[in-house]
Amino acid sequence: MKRRTFYTELAYILGLIVLAFSAALMEASDLGVSMIVAPAYLLHLKLSQAFAFFTFGMAEYTLQAALLIVMVMVLGRFRLYYLFSFITAVLYGLLLDGSMAIVALLGVSGMAGRITCFTAGVICCAVGVSLLFHTYIAPEVYELFVKEIAARYGRNINRVKTAYDCISCLIAVGMSFAFFGLGHFEGVKIGTVLCALVNGALIGFFSGAFEGKFEFKDATKLRKYFE
């Protein structure tokens, strides 16, 4: 069966939108945010106590700027398009704050509603990351970090993603204890652990599904500026 064309630029736009909604949905479920955004969420919860203007989105691109610096140090190299990852992080942060406002209108309540919201968030997270893995445009620093490390050391990208997610989850637990007291889990809950365990496999599943039905092609000639 002939595969349909899916433009990589569209994958970038849709990936960011879906990923932002996934974080908002999981936050609204109160079952734990994803391990990807858990450290930023905890940073937001802590700093917003003193600075009310400090949003979840702001915490995202602040933390991603720090991760970008770490990535450059680990790889021992810097490429100009890495900076676009920070621009992507800012765009994502704005989309996240907008998504939070929209999801808040849903008025999620009751365990059934929370579980539904959480499940939708986990699926959206995997779909969003899968789309971003199929674009040449620099993704969020989280995804860029995984792609660059996997490529540099010749590792399977889905396995690297799973390892990164689990490490992020552990860091978030440490932040929760440090900020809110030993044994106090804020933002990092059972849902966070479940997401950390299945996210890599789900990303692999959706990536395979996309590649089976679509042929990813560039609509523009901008790829050379991101290589």
Protein backbone atom coordinates (compact mmCIF):
# COMPACT_ATOMS: atom_id res chain seq x y z
CA MET A 1 0.00 0.00 0.00
CA LYS A 2 1.33 3.39 -0.99
CA ARG A 3 2.17 5.58 1.96
CA ARG A 4 0.76 9.09 2.16
CA THR A 5 3.04 12.10 2.48
CA PHE A 6 3.40 13.67 5.91
CA TYR A 7 5.43 16.87 5.93
CA THR A 8 8.09 17.07 8.59
CA GLU A 9 7.30 20.72 9.27
CA LEU A 10 3.71 19.74 10.07
CA ALA A 11 5.02 16.98 12.35
CA TYR A 12 6.91 19.68 14.28
CA ILE A 13 3.85 21.90 14.75
CA LEU A 14 1.46 19.08 15.65
CA GLY A 15 4.05 17.46 17.90
CA LEU A 16 4.43 20.58 20.03
CA ILE A 17 0.67 21.14 20.30
CA VAL A 18 -0.10 17.53 21.24
CA LEU A 19 2.78 17.41 23.72
CA ALA A 20 1.60 20.60 25.44
CA PHE A 21 -1.93 19.21 25.80
CA SER A 22 -0.56 15.94 27.16
CA ALA A 23 1.17 17.76 30.03
CA ALA A 24 -1.96 19.80 30.77
CA LEU A 25 -4.18 16.70 30.75
CA MET A 26 -1.92 14.77 33.11
CA GLU A 27 -1.61 17.73 35.47
CA ALA A 28 -5.40 18.05 35.58
CA SER A 29 -5.79 14.34 36.42
CA ASP A 30 -3.79 14.81 39.65
CA LEU A 31 -2.44 11.29 39.21
CA GLY A 32 1.06 12.52 38.49
CA VAL A 33 2.59 14.42 35.60
CA SER A 34 4.88 12.71 33.10
CA MET A 35 8.49 12.16 34.04
CA ILE A 36 9.47 14.42 31.13
CA VAL A 37 7.93 17.51 32.70
CA ALA A 38 7.98 16.46 36.37
CA PRO A 39 11.17 18.38 37.30
CA ALA A 40 9.87 21.55 35.61
CA TYR A 41 6.47 21.12 37.27
CA LEU A 42 8.08 20.89 40.70
CA LEU A 43 10.24 23.93 39.95
CA HIS A 44 7.04 25.77 39.02
CA LEU A 45 5.25 24.71 42.22
CA LYS A 46 8.15 25.82 44.40
CA LEU A 47 9.04 29.14 42.76
CA SER A 48 5.42 30.19 42.16
CA GLN A 49 5.00 30.29 45.94
CA ALA A 50 7.31 33.31 45.98
CA PHE A 51 6.76 34.53 42.41
CA ALA A 52 3.13 34.19 41.37
CA PHE A 53 3.93 35.07 37.75
CA PHE A 54 6.25 32.05 37.36
CA THR A 55 4.14 29.68 35.25
CA PHE A 56 4.55 26.01 34.37
CA GLY A 57 5.57 27.09 30.87
CA MET A 58 8.27 29.41 32.21
CA ALA A 59 9.64 26.60 34.35
CA GLU A 60 9.81 24.43 31.23
CA TYR A 61 12.06 26.66 29.17
CA THR A 62 14.16 27.66 32.18
CA LEU A 63 14.96 24.03 32.94
CA GLN A 64 15.47 23.18 29.27
CA ALA A 65 18.03 25.96 28.95
CA ALA A 66 19.99 24.30 31.77
CA LEU A 67 19.66 20.87 30.11
CA LEU A 68 20.92 22.30 26.83
CA ILE A 69 24.10 23.44 28.56
CA VAL A 70 24.54 19.97 30.09
CA MET A 71 24.04 18.31 26.69
CA VAL A 72 26.70 20.48 25.05
CA MET A 73 29.12 19.59 27.85
CA VAL A 74 28.41 15.84 27.52
CA LEU A 75 28.72 15.82 23.73
CA GLY A 76 31.72 18.13 23.74
CA ARG A 77 30.40 20.09 20.79
CA PHE A 78 28.03 22.91 19.93
CA ARG A 79 25.94 23.36 16.81
CA LEU A 80 24.03 26.48 15.91
CA TYR A 81 20.73 24.67 15.49
CA TYR A 82 20.88 23.65 19.16
CA LEU A 83 19.81 27.21 19.91
CA PHE A 84 16.60 26.64 17.98
CA SER A 85 15.77 23.95 20.53
CA PHE A 86 15.53 26.70 23.11
CA ILE A 87 13.19 28.64 20.82
CA THR A 88 11.14 25.47 20.54
CA ALA A 89 11.13 25.23 24.33
CA VAL A 90 9.77 28.77 24.61
CA LEU A 91 7.06 28.02 22.03
CA TYR A 92 6.19 24.86 23.94
CA GLY A 93 6.05 26.80 27.20
CA LEU A 94 3.56 29.26 25.72
CA LEU A 95 1.47 26.40 24.29
CA LEU A 96 1.58 24.65 27.67
CA ASP A 97 0.26 27.67 29.54
CA GLY A 98 -2.51 28.01 26.95
CA SER A 99 -3.32 24.29 27.19
CA MET A 100 -3.49 24.52 30.97
CA ALA A 101 -6.10 27.27 30.67
CA ILE A 102 -8.16 25.26 28.15
CA VAL A 103 -8.03 21.97 30.08
CA ALA A 104 -9.03 23.80 33.27
CA LEU A 105 -12.35 24.56 31.57
CA LEU A 106 -13.09 20.82 31.40
CA GLY A 107 -13.56 20.67 35.15
CA VAL A 108 -12.12 17.18 35.55
CA SER A 109 -13.54 15.45 38.63
CA GLY A 110 -14.20 11.95 39.93
CA MET A 111 -11.80 9.02 39.65
CA ALA A 112 -13.19 7.89 36.28
CA GLY A 113 -12.69 11.36 34.84
CA ARG A 114 -9.19 11.61 36.28
CA ILE A 115 -8.15 8.21 34.91
CA THR A 116 -9.56 9.09 31.49
CA CYS A 117 -7.71 12.40 31.53
CA PHE A 118 -4.47 10.74 32.59
CA THR A 119 -4.72 7.98 29.97
CA ALA A 120 -5.37 10.54 27.23
CA GLY A 121 -2.36 12.50 28.47
CA VAL A 122 -0.03 9.49 28.33
CA ILE A 123 -1.14 8.63 24.79
CA CYS A 124 -0.79 12.24 23.65
CA CYS A 125 2.69 12.39 25.17
CA ALA A 126 3.85 9.38 23.14
CA VAL A 127 2.22 10.67 19.96
CA GLY A 128 3.76 14.11 20.39
CA VAL A 129 7.27 12.79 20.97
CA SER A 130 6.93 10.38 18.02
CA LEU A 131 6.00 13.26 15.73
CA LEU A 132 8.94 15.34 16.93
CA PHE A 133 11.29 12.44 16.25
CA HIS A 134 10.24 12.69 12.58
CA THR A 135 11.12 16.31 11.97
CA TYR A 136 14.45 17.93 11.17
CA ILE A 137 13.47 21.08 13.06
CA ALA A 138 15.15 21.11 16.45
CA PRO A 139 12.65 19.66 18.96
CA GLU A 140 12.44 20.49 22.64
CA VAL A 141 15.73 20.07 24.43
CA TYR A 142 14.38 16.89 26.08
CA GLU A 143 13.91 15.14 22.74
CA LEU A 144 17.05 16.71 21.25
CA PHE A 145 19.07 15.36 24.17
CA VAL A 146 17.77 11.83 23.55
CA LYS A 147 18.33 12.01 19.77
CA GLU A 148 21.87 13.39 20.09
CA ILE A 149 22.98 10.96 22.81
CA ALA A 150 21.52 7.97 20.91
CA ALA A 151 23.25 9.06 17.69
CA ARG A 152 26.56 9.87 19.37
CA TYR A 153 26.87 6.51 21.14
CA GLY A 154 25.02 4.35 18.58
CA ARG A 155 22.19 3.36 20.92
CA ASN A 156 18.56 2.52 20.18
CA ILE A 157 16.66 5.79 20.52
CA ASN A 158 13.63 4.19 22.24
CA ARG A 159 15.86 2.57 24.88
CA VAL A 160 17.72 5.81 25.45
CA LYS A 161 14.36 7.54 25.81
CA THR A 162 13.19 5.03 28.43
CA ALA A 163 16.45 5.42 30.40
CA TYR A 164 16.19 9.21 30.24
CA ASP A 165 12.57 9.10 31.44
CA CYS A 166 13.42 6.91 34.42
CA ILE A 167 16.33 9.16 35.43
CA SER A 168 14.08 12.22 35.10
CA CYS A 169 11.53 10.50 37.33
CA LEU A 170 14.14 9.86 40.03
CA ILE A 171 15.32 13.48 39.86
CA ALA A 172 11.72 14.65 40.26
CA VAL A 173 11.27 12.46 43.35
CA GLY A 174 14.40 13.99 44.86
CA MET A 175 13.12 17.50 44.09
CA SER A 176 9.75 16.70 45.66
CA PHE A 177 11.40 15.53 48.88
CA ALA A 178 13.76 18.52 48.92
CA PHE A 179 11.04 21.10 48.28
CA PHE A 180 8.11 19.68 50.22
CA GLY A 181 9.57 17.32 52.81
CA LEU A 182 10.91 13.77 52.93
CA GLY A 183 8.28 11.26 51.87
CA HIS A 184 6.02 13.93 50.34
CA PHE A 185 5.22 13.24 46.70
CA GLU A 186 4.06 16.35 44.86
CA GLY A 187 3.42 15.97 41.14
CA VAL A 188 5.31 12.68 41.16
CA LYS A 189 2.74 9.97 41.80
CA ILE A 190 1.79 6.49 40.61
CA GLY A 191 0.92 7.91 37.19
CA THR A 192 4.42 9.31 36.79
CA VAL A 193 5.95 5.89 37.42
CA LEU A 194 3.54 4.16 35.03
CA CYS A 195 4.28 6.71 32.34
CA ALA A 196 8.02 6.26 32.80
CA LEU A 197 7.68 2.51 32.30
CA VAL A 198 5.47 2.53 29.20
CA ASN A 199 6.35 5.76 27.42
CA GLY A 200 9.35 4.40 25.52
CA ALA A 201 7.37 1.41 24.25
CA LEU A 202 4.43 3.62 23.27
CA ILE A 203 6.69 5.99 21.36
CA GLY A 204 8.15 3.02 19.49
CA PHE A 205 4.63 1.78 18.69
CA PHE A 206 3.39 5.10 17.36
CA SER A 207 6.61 5.74 15.45
CA GLY A 208 6.20 2.39 13.72
CA ALA A 209 2.54 3.11 13.00
CA PHE A 210 3.36 6.52 11.49
CA GLU A 211 6.17 5.12 9.37
CA GLY A 212 3.93 2.32 8.13
CA LYS A 213 1.25 4.71 6.89
CA PHE A 214 3.18 7.87 6.04
CA GLU A 215 6.32 8.88 4.22
CA PHE A 216 7.86 11.85 5.98
CA LYS A 217 9.09 14.48 3.54
CA ASP A 218 10.22 18.09 3.80
CA ALA A 219 7.92 20.77 2.41
CA THR A 220 10.69 23.38 2.46
CA LYS A 221 14.45 23.52 1.88
CA LEU A 222 15.29 24.56 5.43
CA ARG A 223 16.74 21.22 6.57
CA LYS A 224 20.32 22.30 5.77
CA TYR A 225 20.09 24.99 8.44
CA PHE A 226 19.43 22.37 11.13
CA GLU A 227 22.28 20.00 10.30
